[in-house]
Amino acid sequence: RRHLTPGAWDPMLIELVQGAGLARVVRTDQILAAT
């Protein structure tokens, strides 16, 4: 999940979101998200 200012290309915040288990939300950066 990416959060962007409207019209911007680069995200302010990137999150990995889990649908199962405890539905965790993990803040991440570009390298971890791409990995």
PDB file of all heavy atoms in Angstrom:
ATOM      1  N   ARG A   1       0.853  -1.193   0.000  1.00  0.00           N
ATOM      2  CA  ARG A   1       0.000   0.000   0.000  1.00  0.00           C
ATOM      3  C   ARG A   1       0.889   1.243   0.000  1.00  0.00           C
ATOM      4  O   ARG A   1       1.782   1.370   0.838  1.00  0.00           O
ATOM      5  CB  ARG A   1      -0.902  -0.007   1.239  1.00  0.00           C
ATOM      6  CG  ARG A   1      -1.920   1.128   1.295  1.00  0.00           C
ATOM      7  CD  ARG A   1      -2.988   0.855   2.339  1.00  0.00           C
ATOM      8  NE  ARG A   1      -2.425   0.769   3.680  1.00  0.00           N
ATOM      9  CZ  ARG A   1      -3.063   0.253   4.726  1.00  0.00           C
ATOM     10  NH1 ARG A   1      -4.267  -0.278   4.564  1.00  0.00           N
ATOM     11  NH2 ARG A   1      -2.508   0.233   5.917  1.00  0.00           N
ATOM     12  N   ARG A   2       0.636   2.144  -0.937  1.00  0.00           N
ATOM     13  CA  ARG A   2       1.444   3.350  -1.062  1.00  0.00           C
ATOM     14  C   ARG A   2       0.593   4.590  -0.798  1.00  0.00           C
ATOM     15  O   ARG A   2      -0.535   4.685  -1.269  1.00  0.00           O
ATOM     16  CB  ARG A   2       2.081   3.435  -2.455  1.00  0.00           C
ATOM     17  CG  ARG A   2       3.089   2.337  -2.724  1.00  0.00           C
ATOM     18  CD  ARG A   2       3.800   2.501  -4.041  1.00  0.00           C
ATOM     19  NE  ARG A   2       4.881   1.514  -4.155  1.00  0.00           N
ATOM     20  CZ  ARG A   2       6.095   1.781  -4.618  1.00  0.00           C
ATOM     21  NH1 ARG A   2       6.391   3.012  -5.020  1.00  0.00           N
ATOM     22  NH2 ARG A   2       7.010   0.841  -4.690  1.00  0.00           N
ATOM     23  N   HIS A   3       1.180   5.535  -0.063  1.00  0.00           N
ATOM     24  CA  HIS A   3       0.517   6.802   0.227  1.00  0.00           C
ATOM     25  C   HIS A   3       1.255   7.911  -0.535  1.00  0.00           C
ATOM     26  O   HIS A   3       2.469   8.072  -0.369  1.00  0.00           O
ATOM     27  CB  HIS A   3       0.548   7.093   1.723  1.00  0.00           C
ATOM     28  CG  HIS A   3      -0.121   6.040   2.556  1.00  0.00           C
ATOM     29  ND1 HIS A   3      -1.373   6.204   3.107  1.00  0.00           N
ATOM     30  CD2 HIS A   3       0.289   4.782   2.918  1.00  0.00           C
ATOM     31  CE1 HIS A   3      -1.705   5.114   3.777  1.00  0.00           C
ATOM     32  NE2 HIS A   3      -0.718   4.240   3.687  1.00  0.00           N
ATOM     33  N   LEU A   4       0.525   8.654  -1.354  1.00  0.00           N
ATOM     34  CA  LEU A   4       1.132   9.696  -2.171  1.00  0.00           C
ATOM     35  C   LEU A   4       0.349  10.990  -2.036  1.00  0.00           C
ATOM     36  O   LEU A   4      -0.877  10.988  -1.868  1.00  0.00           O
ATOM     37  CB  LEU A   4       1.162   9.293  -3.652  1.00  0.00           C
ATOM     38  CG  LEU A   4       1.905   8.012  -4.036  1.00  0.00           C
ATOM     39  CD1 LEU A   4       0.938   6.843  -4.112  1.00  0.00           C
ATOM     40  CD2 LEU A   4       2.618   8.196  -5.364  1.00  0.00           C
ATOM     41  N   THR A   5       1.072  12.091  -2.127  1.00  0.00           N
ATOM     42  CA  THR A   5       0.410  13.376  -2.289  1.00  0.00           C
ATOM     43  C   THR A   5      -0.239  13.394  -3.673  1.00  0.00           C
ATOM     44  O   THR A   5       0.375  12.942  -4.647  1.00  0.00           O
ATOM     45  CB  THR A   5       1.434  14.515  -2.167  1.00  0.00           C
ATOM     46  OG1 THR A   5       2.054  14.449  -0.882  1.00  0.00           O
ATOM     47  CG2 THR A   5       0.764  15.870  -2.357  1.00  0.00           C
ATOM     48  N   PRO A   6      -1.461  13.861  -3.793  1.00  0.00           N
ATOM     49  CA  PRO A   6      -2.117  13.852  -5.118  1.00  0.00           C
ATOM     50  C   PRO A   6      -1.236  14.493  -6.186  1.00  0.00           C
ATOM     51  O   PRO A   6      -0.725  15.602  -6.023  1.00  0.00           O
ATOM     52  CB  PRO A   6      -3.390  14.679  -4.876  1.00  0.00           C
ATOM     53  CG  PRO A   6      -3.699  14.456  -3.432  1.00  0.00           C
ATOM     54  CD  PRO A   6      -2.371  14.371  -2.742  1.00  0.00           C
ATOM     55  N   GLY A   7      -1.016  13.751  -7.266  1.00  0.00           N
ATOM     56  CA  GLY A   7      -0.223  14.233  -8.381  1.00  0.00           C
ATOM     57  C   GLY A   7       1.252  13.909  -8.289  1.00  0.00           C
ATOM     58  O   GLY A   7       1.994  14.090  -9.259  1.00  0.00           O
ATOM     59  N   ALA A   8       1.702  13.404  -7.097  1.00  0.00           N
ATOM     60  CA  ALA A   8       3.127  13.103  -6.929  1.00  0.00           C
ATOM     61  C   ALA A   8       3.442  11.714  -7.464  1.00  0.00           C
ATOM     62  O   ALA A   8       2.591  10.820  -7.496  1.00  0.00           O
ATOM     63  CB  ALA A   8       3.515  13.205  -5.460  1.00  0.00           C
ATOM     64  N   TRP A   9       4.712  11.521  -7.886  1.00  0.00           N
ATOM     65  CA  TRP A   9       5.150  10.210  -8.376  1.00  0.00           C
ATOM     66  C   TRP A   9       5.741   9.368  -7.248  1.00  0.00           C
ATOM     67  O   TRP A   9       5.565   8.155  -7.206  1.00  0.00           O
ATOM     68  CB  TRP A   9       6.199  10.381  -9.478  1.00  0.00           C
ATOM     69  CG  TRP A   9       5.651  10.938 -10.746  1.00  0.00           C
ATOM     70  CD1 TRP A   9       5.798  12.208 -11.221  1.00  0.00           C
ATOM     71  CD2 TRP A   9       4.846  10.242 -11.697  1.00  0.00           C
ATOM     72  NE1 TRP A   9       5.143  12.363 -12.410  1.00  0.00           N
ATOM     73  CE2 TRP A   9       4.544  11.159 -12.737  1.00  0.00           C
ATOM     74  CE3 TRP A   9       4.339   8.945 -11.779  1.00  0.00           C
ATOM     75  CZ2 TRP A   9       3.759  10.821 -13.837  1.00  0.00           C
ATOM     76  CZ3 TRP A   9       3.571   8.602 -12.886  1.00  0.00           C
ATOM     77  CH2 TRP A   9       3.282   9.525 -13.889  1.00  0.00           C
ATOM     78  N   ASP A  10       6.438  10.013  -6.333  1.00  0.00           N
ATOM     79  CA  ASP A  10       7.123   9.272  -5.270  1.00  0.00           C
ATOM     80  C   ASP A  10       6.245   9.186  -4.024  1.00  0.00           C
ATOM     81  O   ASP A  10       5.679  10.196  -3.578  1.00  0.00           O
ATOM     82  CB  ASP A  10       8.445   9.950  -4.912  1.00  0.00           C
ATOM     83  CG  ASP A  10       9.436   9.916  -6.056  1.00  0.00           C
ATOM     84  OD1 ASP A  10       9.445   8.897  -6.776  1.00  0.00           O
ATOM     85  OD2 ASP A  10      10.189  10.899  -6.228  1.00  0.00           O
ATOM     86  N   PRO A  11       6.110   8.002  -3.444  1.00  0.00           N
ATOM     87  CA  PRO A  11       5.256   7.841  -2.267  1.00  0.00           C
ATOM     88  C   PRO A  11       5.880   8.458  -1.010  1.00  0.00           C
ATOM     89  O   PRO A  11       7.094   8.473  -0.835  1.00  0.00           O
ATOM     90  CB  PRO A  11       5.144   6.319  -2.131  1.00  0.00           C
ATOM     91  CG  PRO A  11       6.400   5.794  -2.742  1.00  0.00           C
ATOM     92  CD  PRO A  11       6.725   6.731  -3.872  1.00  0.00           C
ATOM     93  N   MET A  12       5.014   8.995  -0.154  1.00  0.00           N
ATOM     94  CA  MET A  12       5.453   9.463   1.161  1.00  0.00           C
ATOM     95  C   MET A  12       5.657   8.295   2.112  1.00  0.00           C
ATOM     96  O   MET A  12       6.472   8.342   3.018  1.00  0.00           O
ATOM     97  CB  MET A  12       4.409  10.400   1.763  1.00  0.00           C
ATOM     98  CG  MET A  12       4.143  11.662   0.987  1.00  0.00           C
ATOM     99  SD  MET A  12       2.945  12.698   1.878  1.00  0.00           S
ATOM    100  CE  MET A  12       1.514  11.614   1.885  1.00  0.00           C
ATOM    101  N   LEU A  13       4.878   7.235   1.909  1.00  0.00           N
ATOM    102  CA  LEU A  13       4.882   6.098   2.821  1.00  0.00           C
ATOM    103  C   LEU A  13       4.554   4.835   2.040  1.00  0.00           C
ATOM    104  O   LEU A  13       3.635   4.820   1.215  1.00  0.00           O
ATOM    105  CB  LEU A  13       3.846   6.308   3.937  1.00  0.00           C
ATOM    106  CG  LEU A  13       3.607   5.175   4.930  1.00  0.00           C
ATOM    107  CD1 LEU A  13       4.864   4.920   5.762  1.00  0.00           C
ATOM    108  CD2 LEU A  13       2.428   5.492   5.832  1.00  0.00           C
ATOM    109  N   ILE A  14       5.321   3.765   2.302  1.00  0.00           N
ATOM    110  CA  ILE A  14       5.051   2.453   1.712  1.00  0.00           C
ATOM    111  C   ILE A  14       4.785   1.476   2.859  1.00  0.00           C
ATOM    112  O   ILE A  14       5.537   1.444   3.844  1.00  0.00           O
ATOM    113  CB  ILE A  14       6.233   1.946   0.869  1.00  0.00           C
ATOM    114  CG1 ILE A  14       6.608   2.967  -0.201  1.00  0.00           C
ATOM    115  CG2 ILE A  14       5.884   0.599   0.218  1.00  0.00           C
ATOM    116  CD1 ILE A  14       7.858   2.579  -0.981  1.00  0.00           C
ATOM    117  N   GLU A  15       3.723   0.686   2.741  1.00  0.00           N
ATOM    118  CA  GLU A  15       3.370  -0.291   3.780  1.00  0.00           C
ATOM    119  C   GLU A  15       3.128  -1.657   3.160  1.00  0.00           C
ATOM    120  O   GLU A  15       2.565  -1.764   2.065  1.00  0.00           O
ATOM    121  CB  GLU A  15       2.109   0.144   4.522  1.00  0.00           C
ATOM    122  CG  GLU A  15       2.265   1.436   5.308  1.00  0.00           C
ATOM    123  CD  GLU A  15       0.938   1.909   5.870  1.00  0.00           C
ATOM    124  OE1 GLU A  15      -0.089   1.773   5.169  1.00  0.00           O
ATOM    125  OE2 GLU A  15       0.943   2.430   7.002  1.00  0.00           O
ATOM    126  N   LEU A  16       3.563  -2.691   3.884  1.00  0.00           N
ATOM    127  CA  LEU A  16       3.191  -4.064   3.556  1.00  0.00           C
ATOM    128  C   LEU A  16       2.014  -4.431   4.450  1.00  0.00           C
ATOM    129  O   LEU A  16       2.090  -4.291   5.677  1.00  0.00           O
ATOM    130  CB  LEU A  16       4.365  -5.013   3.793  1.00  0.00           C
ATOM    131  CG  LEU A  16       5.611  -4.762   2.942  1.00  0.00           C
ATOM    132  CD1 LEU A  16       6.720  -5.733   3.326  1.00  0.00           C
ATOM    133  CD2 LEU A  16       5.299  -4.879   1.456  1.00  0.00           C
ATOM    134  N   VAL A  17       0.930  -4.877   3.855  1.00  0.00           N
ATOM    135  CA  VAL A  17      -0.308  -5.120   4.580  1.00  0.00           C
ATOM    136  C   VAL A  17      -0.651  -6.602   4.517  1.00  0.00           C
ATOM    137  O   VAL A  17      -0.695  -7.204   3.435  1.00  0.00           O
ATOM    138  CB  VAL A  17      -1.465  -4.287   3.991  1.00  0.00           C
ATOM    139  CG1 VAL A  17      -2.755  -4.531   4.778  1.00  0.00           C
ATOM    140  CG2 VAL A  17      -1.100  -2.813   3.993  1.00  0.00           C
ATOM    141  N   GLN A  18      -0.898  -7.176   5.687  1.00  0.00           N
ATOM    142  CA  GLN A  18      -1.212  -8.606   5.805  1.00  0.00           C
ATOM    143  C   GLN A  18      -2.723  -8.794   5.888  1.00  0.00           C
ATOM    144  O   GLN A  18      -3.394  -8.148   6.687  1.00  0.00           O
ATOM    145  CB  GLN A  18      -0.547  -9.158   7.070  1.00  0.00           C
ATOM    146  CG  GLN A  18      -0.748 -10.638   7.324  1.00  0.00           C
ATOM    147  CD  GLN A  18      -0.055 -11.065   8.616  1.00  0.00           C
ATOM    148  OE1 GLN A  18      -0.165 -10.401   9.631  1.00  0.00           O
ATOM    149  NE2 GLN A  18       0.679 -12.166   8.566  1.00  0.00           N
ATOM    150  N   GLY A  19      -3.242  -9.681   5.064  1.00  0.00           N
ATOM    151  CA  GLY A  19      -4.680  -9.944   5.094  1.00  0.00           C
ATOM    152  C   GLY A  19      -5.079 -10.990   6.112  1.00  0.00           C
ATOM    153  O   GLY A  19      -6.187 -10.952   6.650  1.00  0.00           O
ATOM    154  N   ALA A  20      -4.204 -11.947   6.404  1.00  0.00           N
ATOM    155  CA  ALA A  20      -4.510 -13.030   7.333  1.00  0.00           C
ATOM    156  C   ALA A  20      -3.867 -12.742   8.691  1.00  0.00           C
ATOM    157  O   ALA A  20      -3.355 -11.655   8.949  1.00  0.00           O
ATOM    158  CB  ALA A  20      -4.005 -14.356   6.765  1.00  0.00           C
ATOM    159  N   GLY A  21      -3.924 -13.751   9.570  1.00  0.00           N
ATOM    160  CA  GLY A  21      -3.251 -13.656  10.863  1.00  0.00           C
ATOM    161  C   GLY A  21      -3.734 -12.482  11.690  1.00  0.00           C
ATOM    162  O   GLY A  21      -4.934 -12.307  11.925  1.00  0.00           O
ATOM    163  N   LEU A  22      -2.784 -11.647  12.121  1.00  0.00           N
ATOM    164  CA  LEU A  22      -3.101 -10.486  12.945  1.00  0.00           C
ATOM    165  C   LEU A  22      -3.191  -9.197  12.126  1.00  0.00           C
ATOM    166  O   LEU A  22      -3.150  -8.105  12.688  1.00  0.00           O
ATOM    167  CB  LEU A  22      -2.061 -10.342  14.060  1.00  0.00           C
ATOM    168  CG  LEU A  22      -2.058 -11.499  15.070  1.00  0.00           C
ATOM    169  CD1 LEU A  22      -0.924 -11.338  16.058  1.00  0.00           C
ATOM    170  CD2 LEU A  22      -3.388 -11.596  15.798  1.00  0.00           C
ATOM    171  N   ALA A  23      -3.303  -9.330  10.817  1.00  0.00           N
ATOM    172  CA  ALA A  23      -3.524  -8.174   9.921  1.00  0.00           C
ATOM    173  C   ALA A  23      -2.510  -7.070  10.180  1.00  0.00           C
ATOM    174  O   ALA A  23      -2.850  -5.896  10.311  1.00  0.00           O
ATOM    175  CB  ALA A  23      -4.953  -7.654  10.075  1.00  0.00           C
ATOM    176  N   ARG A  24      -1.261  -7.437  10.234  1.00  0.00           N
ATOM    177  CA  ARG A  24      -0.212  -6.459  10.529  1.00  0.00           C
ATOM    178  C   ARG A  24      -0.010  -5.502   9.355  1.00  0.00           C
ATOM    179  O   ARG A  24      -0.215  -5.854   8.193  1.00  0.00           O
ATOM    180  CB  ARG A  24       1.118  -7.169  10.831  1.00  0.00           C
ATOM    181  CG  ARG A  24       1.107  -7.963  12.123  1.00  0.00           C
ATOM    182  CD  ARG A  24       2.401  -8.742  12.256  1.00  0.00           C
ATOM    183  NE  ARG A  24       2.500  -9.448  13.517  1.00  0.00           N
ATOM    184  CZ  ARG A  24       1.994 -10.656  13.746  1.00  0.00           C
ATOM    185  NH1 ARG A  24       1.344 -11.269  12.774  1.00  0.00           N
ATOM    186  NH2 ARG A  24       2.147 -11.225  14.920  1.00  0.00           N
ATOM    187  N   VAL A  25       0.441  -4.300   9.694  1.00  0.00           N
ATOM    188  CA  VAL A  25       0.821  -3.299   8.713  1.00  0.00           C
ATOM    189  C   VAL A  25       2.261  -2.896   9.023  1.00  0.00           C
ATOM    190  O   VAL A  25       2.555  -2.425  10.125  1.00  0.00           O
ATOM    191  CB  VAL A  25      -0.102  -2.072   8.762  1.00  0.00           C
ATOM    192  CG1 VAL A  25       0.372  -1.003   7.773  1.00  0.00           C
ATOM    193  CG2 VAL A  25      -1.539  -2.473   8.463  1.00  0.00           C
ATOM    194  N   VAL A  26       3.172  -3.110   8.067  1.00  0.00           N
ATOM    195  CA  VAL A  26       4.599  -2.892   8.282  1.00  0.00           C
ATOM    196  C   VAL A  26       5.078  -1.759   7.387  1.00  0.00           C
ATOM    197  O   VAL A  26       4.963  -1.826   6.153  1.00  0.00           O
ATOM    198  CB  VAL A  26       5.404  -4.176   7.970  1.00  0.00           C
ATOM    199  CG1 VAL A  26       6.895  -3.936   8.175  1.00  0.00           C
ATOM    200  CG2 VAL A  26       4.920  -5.334   8.851  1.00  0.00           C
ATOM    201  N   ARG A  27       5.623  -0.702   8.008  1.00  0.00           N
ATOM    202  CA  ARG A  27       6.204   0.380   7.223  1.00  0.00           C
ATOM    203  C   ARG A  27       7.516  -0.095   6.597  1.00  0.00           C
ATOM    204  O   ARG A  27       8.298  -0.797   7.237  1.00  0.00           O
ATOM    205  CB  ARG A  27       6.466   1.593   8.116  1.00  0.00           C
ATOM    206  CG  ARG A  27       5.193   2.220   8.652  1.00  0.00           C
ATOM    207  CD  ARG A  27       5.476   3.506   9.408  1.00  0.00           C
ATOM    208  NE  ARG A  27       6.047   4.528   8.538  1.00  0.00           N
ATOM    209  CZ  ARG A  27       6.189   5.800   8.891  1.00  0.00           C
ATOM    210  NH1 ARG A  27       5.819   6.204  10.101  1.00  0.00           N
ATOM    211  NH2 ARG A  27       6.719   6.680   8.043  1.00  0.00           N
ATOM    212  N   THR A  28       7.734   0.298   5.369  1.00  0.00           N
ATOM    213  CA  THR A  28       8.906  -0.206   4.659  1.00  0.00           C
ATOM    214  C   THR A  28       9.476   0.889   3.750  1.00  0.00           C
ATOM    215  O   THR A  28       8.940   1.996   3.661  1.00  0.00           O
ATOM    216  CB  THR A  28       8.542  -1.452   3.838  1.00  0.00           C
ATOM    217  OG1 THR A  28       9.716  -1.963   3.202  1.00  0.00           O
ATOM    218  CG2 THR A  28       7.496  -1.136   2.791  1.00  0.00           C
ATOM    219  N   ASP A  29      10.578   0.552   3.088  1.00  0.00           N
ATOM    220  CA  ASP A  29      11.153   1.465   2.101  1.00  0.00           C
ATOM    221  C   ASP A  29      11.119   0.801   0.725  1.00  0.00           C
ATOM    222  O   ASP A  29      10.663  -0.341   0.583  1.00  0.00           O
ATOM    223  CB  ASP A  29      12.576   1.878   2.504  1.00  0.00           C
ATOM    224  CG  ASP A  29      13.509   0.678   2.668  1.00  0.00           C
ATOM    225  OD1 ASP A  29      13.208  -0.418   2.114  1.00  0.00           O
ATOM    226  OD2 ASP A  29      14.542   0.819   3.347  1.00  0.00           O
ATOM    227  N   GLN A  30      11.649   1.499  -0.269  1.00  0.00           N
ATOM    228  CA  GLN A  30      11.597   0.999  -1.645  1.00  0.00           C
ATOM    229  C   GLN A  30      12.348  -0.324  -1.802  1.00  0.00           C
ATOM    230  O   GLN A  30      11.880  -1.237  -2.473  1.00  0.00           O
ATOM    231  CB  GLN A  30      12.204   2.052  -2.590  1.00  0.00           C
ATOM    232  CG  GLN A  30      11.391   3.332  -2.719  1.00  0.00           C
ATOM    233  CD  GLN A  30      10.299   3.210  -3.777  1.00  0.00           C
ATOM    234  OE1 GLN A  30       9.904   2.108  -4.161  1.00  0.00           O
ATOM    235  NE2 GLN A  30       9.790   4.342  -4.226  1.00  0.00           N
ATOM    236  N   ILE A  31      13.508  -0.429  -1.157  1.00  0.00           N
ATOM    237  CA  ILE A  31      14.332  -1.629  -1.345  1.00  0.00           C
ATOM    238  C   ILE A  31      13.665  -2.850  -0.722  1.00  0.00           C
ATOM    239  O   ILE A  31      13.576  -3.910  -1.355  1.00  0.00           O
ATOM    240  CB  ILE A  31      15.742  -1.412  -0.762  1.00  0.00           C
ATOM    241  CG1 ILE A  31      16.487  -0.370  -1.603  1.00  0.00           C
ATOM    242  CG2 ILE A  31      16.523  -2.727  -0.720  1.00  0.00           C
ATOM    243  CD1 ILE A  31      17.870  -0.037  -1.077  1.00  0.00           C
ATOM    244  N   LEU A  32      13.166  -2.712   0.516  1.00  0.00           N
ATOM    245  CA  LEU A  32      12.509  -3.862   1.148  1.00  0.00           C
ATOM    246  C   LEU A  32      11.234  -4.228   0.404  1.00  0.00           C
ATOM    247  O   LEU A  32      10.944  -5.409   0.177  1.00  0.00           O
ATOM    248  CB  LEU A  32      12.208  -3.561   2.613  1.00  0.00           C
ATOM    249  CG  LEU A  32      11.494  -4.680   3.384  1.00  0.00           C
ATOM    250  CD1 LEU A  32      12.321  -5.964   3.394  1.00  0.00           C
ATOM    251  CD2 LEU A  32      11.192  -4.249   4.816  1.00  0.00           C
ATOM    252  N   ALA A  33      10.450  -3.229   0.002  1.00  0.00           N
ATOM    253  CA  ALA A  33       9.211  -3.515  -0.721  1.00  0.00           C
ATOM    254  C   ALA A  33       9.503  -4.237  -2.034  1.00  0.00           C
ATOM    255  O   ALA A  33       8.826  -5.219  -2.386  1.00  0.00           O
ATOM    256  CB  ALA A  33       8.463  -2.217  -0.995  1.00  0.00           C
ATOM    257  N   ALA A  34      10.515  -3.785  -2.769  1.00  0.00           N
ATOM    258  CA  ALA A  34      10.859  -4.443  -4.033  1.00  0.00           C
ATOM    259  C   ALA A  34      11.368  -5.852  -3.790  1.00  0.00           C
ATOM    260  O   ALA A  34      11.067  -6.781  -4.558  1.00  0.00           O
ATOM    261  CB  ALA A  34      11.909  -3.611  -4.766  1.00  0.00           C
ATOM    262  N   THR A  35      12.135  -6.036  -2.720  1.00  0.00           N
ATOM    263  CA  THR A  35      12.656  -7.368  -2.399  1.00  0.00           C
ATOM    264  C   THR A  35      11.519  -8.323  -2.071  1.00  0.00           C
ATOM    265  O   THR A  35      11.452  -9.446  -2.598  1.00  0.00           O
ATOM    266  CB  THR A  35      13.635  -7.289  -1.211  1.00  0.00           C
ATOM    267  OG1 THR A  35      14.728  -6.444  -1.557  1.00  0.00           O
ATOM    268  CG2 THR A  35      14.157  -8.671  -0.846  1.00  0.00           C
TER     269      THR A  35
END
